[in-house]
Amino acid sequence: MQVISTPIPDILIIEPQVFGDDRGFFMESYNHRRFQEKTGLEVEFVQDNHSRSIRNVLRGIHYQVQAVQGKLVRALVGEILDVAVDLRRSSPTFGKSVGCVLSATNKRQLWIPPGFGHGFVVFSEVAEVMYKATNYYAPEFDRAILWNDPQLSIDWQLQGEPILSAKDENAPKFQDAELFD
């Protein structure tokens, strides 16, 4: 397993070791001890989430204001641009974002700690995304920020018009969102 730093130090790209041959491949998608040793983080994942989306679906920017979640995200099928936005007012990277292409081919994972918003857009015909979460889904604390808020200036690298849920179309702007201290 290799850990790659990003412009926001708390966001990490994880590259698992993949063993491949003419039969296919094998990899450990998660090993608690190795994750802790390589990242220096002690996290406990309590829930796995799995979504399937078609090309140009954009999900996010989502987060929970209480029962906050850290996420370890990967694409099992297809290719996505995964984006994390720092929503911690006290952070030197507040309002900044990191994007990383995750795919079934590159097998990369993105660690997004609590205090960040998360979203992704699908580049392939279809994508299946799975992520481990450090806290349970709590709908009463679920929040979203408008995906294309000019204050955030996220380059989603769109390849067409995004397909959005009503929640994402009507999400508040960054300046009006409930954020973290």
Protein backbone atom coordinates (compact mmCIF):
# COMPACT_ATOMS: atom_id res chain seq x y z
CA MET A 1 0.00 0.00 0.00
CA GLN A 2 1.28 3.43 -0.94
CA VAL A 3 0.01 6.71 0.52
CA ILE A 4 0.18 9.80 -1.70
CA SER A 5 -0.19 13.28 -0.25
CA THR A 6 -2.39 15.95 -1.81
CA PRO A 7 -2.45 19.78 -1.69
CA ILE A 8 -4.71 19.43 1.38
CA PRO A 9 -2.56 17.40 3.82
CA ASP A 10 -5.55 15.70 5.49
CA ILE A 11 -6.75 14.22 2.18
CA LEU A 12 -4.80 11.13 1.16
CA ILE A 13 -4.71 9.02 -1.99
CA ILE A 14 -4.31 5.35 -1.19
CA GLU A 15 -2.85 2.98 -3.78
CA PRO A 16 -3.25 -0.66 -2.76
CA GLN A 17 -0.70 -3.22 -3.83
CA VAL A 18 -2.19 -5.19 -6.73
CA PHE A 19 -0.99 -8.64 -7.75
CA GLY A 20 -2.00 -9.41 -11.32
CA ASP A 21 -1.41 -12.10 -13.89
CA ASP A 22 -3.21 -13.60 -16.88
CA ARG A 23 -5.99 -14.87 -14.57
CA GLY A 24 -6.85 -11.41 -13.25
CA PHE A 25 -5.74 -9.70 -10.04
CA PHE A 26 -5.81 -9.82 -6.25
CA MET A 27 -5.54 -6.95 -3.78
CA GLU A 28 -6.36 -6.13 -0.19
CA SER A 29 -8.85 -3.31 -0.51
CA TYR A 30 -8.54 -2.52 3.19
CA ASN A 31 -6.32 -3.71 6.02
CA HIS A 32 -6.87 -1.88 9.31
CA ARG A 33 -3.35 -2.40 10.66
CA ARG A 34 -1.63 -1.43 7.41
CA PHE A 35 -3.90 1.64 6.97
CA GLN A 36 -2.99 2.81 10.48
CA GLU A 37 0.75 2.16 9.99
CA LYS A 38 0.94 3.92 6.61
CA THR A 39 -1.33 6.91 7.35
CA GLY A 40 -0.81 7.38 11.08
CA LEU A 41 -4.60 7.48 11.45
CA GLU A 42 -6.65 5.45 13.89
CA VAL A 43 -10.09 5.14 12.34
CA GLU A 44 -12.93 2.70 12.77
CA PHE A 45 -15.21 2.09 9.83
CA VAL A 46 -18.80 1.22 10.79
CA GLN A 47 -20.69 1.30 7.51
CA ASP A 48 -20.06 0.52 3.82
CA ASN A 49 -22.06 2.35 1.13
CA HIS A 50 -22.34 1.29 -2.50
CA SER A 51 -23.87 3.32 -5.34
CA ARG A 52 -24.34 2.77 -9.06
CA SER A 53 -24.60 5.77 -11.38
CA ILE A 54 -24.64 6.46 -15.09
CA ARG A 55 -22.39 8.83 -17.07
CA ASN A 56 -22.57 12.50 -16.00
CA VAL A 57 -24.33 11.81 -12.70
CA LEU A 58 -22.95 14.27 -10.17
CA ARG A 59 -23.53 13.43 -6.51
CA GLY A 60 -22.64 15.99 -3.88
CA ILE A 61 -21.32 17.95 -2.18
CA HIS A 62 -22.59 15.99 0.86
CA TYR A 63 -21.65 15.84 4.54
CA GLN A 64 -23.13 15.43 8.02
CA VAL A 65 -22.91 18.29 10.55
CA GLN A 66 -23.17 15.97 13.55
CA ALA A 67 -22.33 12.28 13.49
CA VAL A 68 -19.58 13.44 11.11
CA GLN A 69 -18.10 10.88 8.77
CA GLY A 70 -14.67 10.11 7.45
CA LYS A 71 -14.82 8.22 4.15
CA LEU A 72 -12.53 5.89 2.23
CA VAL A 73 -13.85 6.00 -1.34
CA ARG A 74 -13.13 3.79 -4.35
CA ALA A 75 -14.64 2.99 -7.74
CA LEU A 76 -15.35 -0.72 -8.19
CA VAL A 77 -16.63 -0.28 -11.76
CA GLY A 78 -15.95 2.58 -14.17
CA GLU A 79 -14.31 5.94 -13.53
CA ILE A 80 -15.20 8.99 -11.44
CA LEU A 81 -13.73 12.27 -10.37
CA ASP A 82 -13.98 12.23 -6.59
CA VAL A 83 -13.90 15.61 -4.84
CA ALA A 84 -13.38 16.61 -1.19
CA VAL A 85 -13.99 20.15 0.08
CA ASP A 86 -12.59 21.45 3.38
CA LEU A 87 -15.55 22.76 5.41
CA ARG A 88 -13.60 23.52 8.62
CA ARG A 89 -13.58 27.29 9.24
CA SER A 90 -10.46 27.00 11.44
CA SER A 91 -8.47 25.21 8.72
CA PRO A 92 -5.85 26.96 6.57
CA THR A 93 -7.39 25.13 3.58
CA PHE A 94 -10.99 26.14 4.37
CA GLY A 95 -13.05 26.25 1.18
CA LYS A 96 -10.35 24.52 -0.88
CA SER A 97 -10.92 21.22 -2.65
CA VAL A 98 -9.00 18.24 -3.96
CA GLY A 99 -10.12 16.08 -6.87
CA CYS A 100 -8.81 12.64 -7.75
CA VAL A 101 -9.74 10.25 -10.54
CA LEU A 102 -10.74 6.91 -9.06
CA SER A 103 -11.34 3.98 -11.35
CA ALA A 104 -11.64 0.22 -11.51
CA THR A 105 -8.41 0.37 -13.52
CA ASN A 106 -6.22 2.49 -11.21
CA LYS A 107 -7.77 1.02 -8.03
CA ARG A 108 -6.95 4.20 -6.12
CA GLN A 109 -8.87 5.17 -3.01
CA LEU A 110 -9.39 8.60 -1.48
CA TRP A 111 -9.36 9.16 2.28
CA ILE A 112 -11.67 12.05 3.21
CA PRO A 113 -11.60 12.84 6.94
CA PRO A 114 -14.47 14.24 9.01
CA GLY A 115 -15.03 17.95 8.40
CA PHE A 116 -15.02 17.66 4.60
CA GLY A 117 -17.79 17.66 2.02
CA HIS A 118 -17.73 14.93 -0.59
CA GLY A 119 -18.99 14.53 -4.13
CA PHE A 120 -18.21 12.81 -7.40
CA VAL A 121 -19.06 12.90 -11.09
CA VAL A 122 -19.16 9.82 -13.33
CA PHE A 123 -16.91 9.81 -16.42
CA SER A 124 -17.62 6.26 -17.65
CA GLU A 125 -20.83 4.80 -19.05
CA VAL A 126 -21.59 3.47 -15.58
CA ALA A 127 -19.75 3.56 -12.25
CA GLU A 128 -20.13 1.70 -9.02
CA VAL A 129 -18.68 3.52 -6.05
CA MET A 130 -18.13 2.05 -2.63
CA TYR A 131 -17.02 3.86 0.45
CA LYS A 132 -16.34 2.96 4.02
CA ALA A 133 -17.66 5.46 6.60
CA THR A 134 -16.51 6.13 10.15
CA ASN A 135 -20.01 6.96 11.35
CA TYR A 136 -23.53 5.86 10.54
CA TYR A 137 -25.78 7.72 8.15
CA ALA A 138 -27.92 10.17 10.12
CA PRO A 139 -30.51 11.82 7.84
CA GLU A 140 -31.29 14.54 10.38
CA PHE A 141 -27.69 15.79 10.10
CA ASP A 142 -27.34 15.31 6.34
CA ARG A 143 -26.35 18.50 4.49
CA ALA A 144 -25.35 19.52 0.97
CA ILE A 145 -23.66 22.46 -0.72
CA LEU A 146 -24.41 23.60 -4.25
CA TRP A 147 -22.06 21.65 -6.49
CA ASN A 148 -21.24 24.57 -8.80
CA ASP A 149 -20.94 27.36 -6.23
CA PRO A 150 -18.57 29.91 -7.79
CA GLN A 151 -16.95 30.57 -4.40
CA LEU A 152 -15.64 26.97 -4.38
CA SER A 153 -14.49 27.01 -8.04
CA ILE A 154 -14.44 23.21 -8.36
CA ASP A 155 -13.34 21.97 -11.77
CA TRP A 156 -15.59 18.94 -12.18
CA GLN A 157 -14.09 18.24 -15.63
CA LEU A 158 -17.65 17.74 -16.90
CA GLN A 159 -18.09 15.87 -20.15
CA GLY A 160 -21.69 17.01 -20.62
CA GLU A 161 -24.56 18.40 -18.60
CA PRO A 162 -24.55 16.94 -15.08
CA ILE A 163 -27.44 14.75 -13.96
CA LEU A 164 -28.44 15.93 -10.49
CA SER A 165 -30.87 14.96 -7.75
CA ALA A 166 -33.38 17.54 -6.55
CA LYS A 167 -31.36 17.72 -3.32
CA ASP A 168 -28.21 18.68 -5.22
CA GLU A 169 -29.97 21.11 -7.58
CA ASN A 170 -31.46 22.99 -4.61
CA ALA A 171 -28.55 22.80 -2.17
CA PRO A 172 -27.54 26.05 -0.44
CA LYS A 173 -24.51 28.02 -1.51
CA PHE A 174 -21.27 27.64 0.43
CA GLN A 175 -21.72 31.00 2.19
CA ASP A 176 -25.16 29.94 3.46
CA ALA A 177 -24.29 26.37 4.45
CA GLU A 178 -23.98 25.02 7.96
CA LEU A 179 -20.26 24.30 8.32
CA PHE A 180 -17.71 23.21 10.93
CA ASP A 181 -15.71 25.43 13.30
